[in-house]
Protein backbone atom coordinates (compact mmCIF):
# COMPACT_ATOMS: atom_id res chain seq x y z
CA MET A 1 63.32 125.08 149.68
CA THR A 2 61.40 121.85 150.15
CA ILE A 3 57.83 122.00 151.41
CA PRO A 4 57.16 119.24 153.95
CA HIS A 5 54.62 116.60 152.96
CA LYS A 6 51.39 116.78 154.98
CA VAL A 7 50.66 113.54 156.84
CA HIS A 8 46.99 112.94 157.61
CA SER A 9 45.70 110.91 160.53
CA PRO A 10 44.28 107.43 159.85
CA GLY A 11 40.84 108.62 161.04
CA PHE A 12 40.81 111.49 158.56
CA LEU A 13 41.92 109.22 155.72
CA ALA A 14 39.17 106.72 156.59
CA LEU A 15 36.60 109.53 156.53
CA VAL A 16 37.82 110.76 153.14
CA ASN A 17 37.89 107.27 151.64
CA ASP A 18 34.37 106.58 152.92
CA ALA A 19 33.12 109.81 151.33
CA LYS A 20 34.87 109.04 148.04
CA SER A 21 33.13 105.66 147.91
CA ARG A 22 29.77 107.48 147.62
CA ILE A 23 30.82 109.95 144.92
CA GLU A 24 29.96 109.36 141.28
CA GLU A 25 31.69 111.47 138.66
CA VAL A 26 29.63 112.47 135.63
CA ASP A 27 30.56 114.43 132.55
CA ILE A 28 28.42 117.18 131.06
CA ALA A 29 26.68 114.77 128.67
CA ALA A 30 25.57 112.56 131.57
CA TYR A 31 24.53 115.61 133.59
CA GLN A 32 22.37 116.84 130.73
CA THR A 33 20.38 113.60 130.86
CA MET A 34 19.63 113.99 134.58
CA PRO A 35 16.20 115.25 135.59
CA CYS A 36 16.27 118.93 136.54
CA GLU A 37 14.62 118.21 139.88
CA GLY A 38 16.03 116.05 142.62
CA HIS A 39 19.49 117.55 143.11
CA LEU A 40 21.26 120.74 144.08
CA LEU A 41 23.74 122.20 141.61
CA ILE A 42 26.75 123.63 143.45
CA ASP A 43 29.45 125.74 141.81
CA VAL A 44 32.73 125.25 143.69
CA ARG A 45 34.78 127.71 141.66
CA GLU A 46 36.39 130.82 143.10
CA ASP A 47 34.39 134.02 143.65
CA HIS A 48 35.70 135.79 140.54
CA GLU A 49 34.84 132.78 138.36
CA TRP A 50 31.30 132.67 139.78
CA ALA A 51 30.92 136.41 139.18
CA ALA A 52 31.99 135.98 135.56
CA GLY A 53 29.12 133.57 134.96
CA HIS A 54 27.55 130.41 136.34
CA ALA A 55 24.87 127.84 135.59
CA ALA A 56 21.30 128.95 136.19
CA GLY A 57 20.04 127.83 139.59
CA ALA A 58 23.47 126.99 140.95
CA ILE A 59 24.49 127.64 144.55
CA HIS A 60 27.96 129.10 145.07
CA MET A 61 30.26 127.55 147.66
CA SER A 62 33.89 127.82 146.65
CA LYS A 63 36.37 125.05 147.41
CA GLY A 64 37.80 127.16 150.19
CA THR A 65 34.49 127.47 152.06
CA ILE A 66 32.34 124.45 151.21
CA GLU A 67 33.64 122.33 154.08
CA ARG A 68 32.75 125.09 156.53
CA ASP A 69 29.37 126.09 155.04
CA ILE A 70 27.81 122.91 153.63
CA GLU A 71 25.92 121.91 156.79
CA THR A 72 24.17 125.27 157.09
CA ARG A 73 23.54 125.80 153.37
CA VAL A 74 22.39 122.19 152.77
CA PRO A 75 21.07 120.90 156.10
CA ASP A 76 19.63 117.70 154.57
CA ALA A 77 22.60 115.33 154.66
CA SER A 78 20.80 112.97 152.27
CA ALA A 79 20.36 115.65 149.58
CA LYS A 80 21.78 114.72 146.18
CA MET A 81 24.34 117.32 145.11
CA VAL A 82 26.10 117.88 141.81
CA LEU A 83 29.28 119.93 142.20
CA TYR A 84 31.02 121.55 139.27
CA CYS A 85 34.14 123.57 138.70
């Protein structure tokens, strides 16, 4: 059985590409040099992974819910966020 390929609208793709242009990937070494203040640390792993252990001070919003919950959990759209998985 072949699963059909999802085709996204041009507007959605433009939105995603715009968002990606503002994302900077950092590794753990770079993160460790960041000041502790000035950003929110968000764990995007699944519930059972969060329950098994997570970084101190992290907020949990799994990949399946972050799109739905981000505006209420982080109302400041200009807030700097560091997401990890």
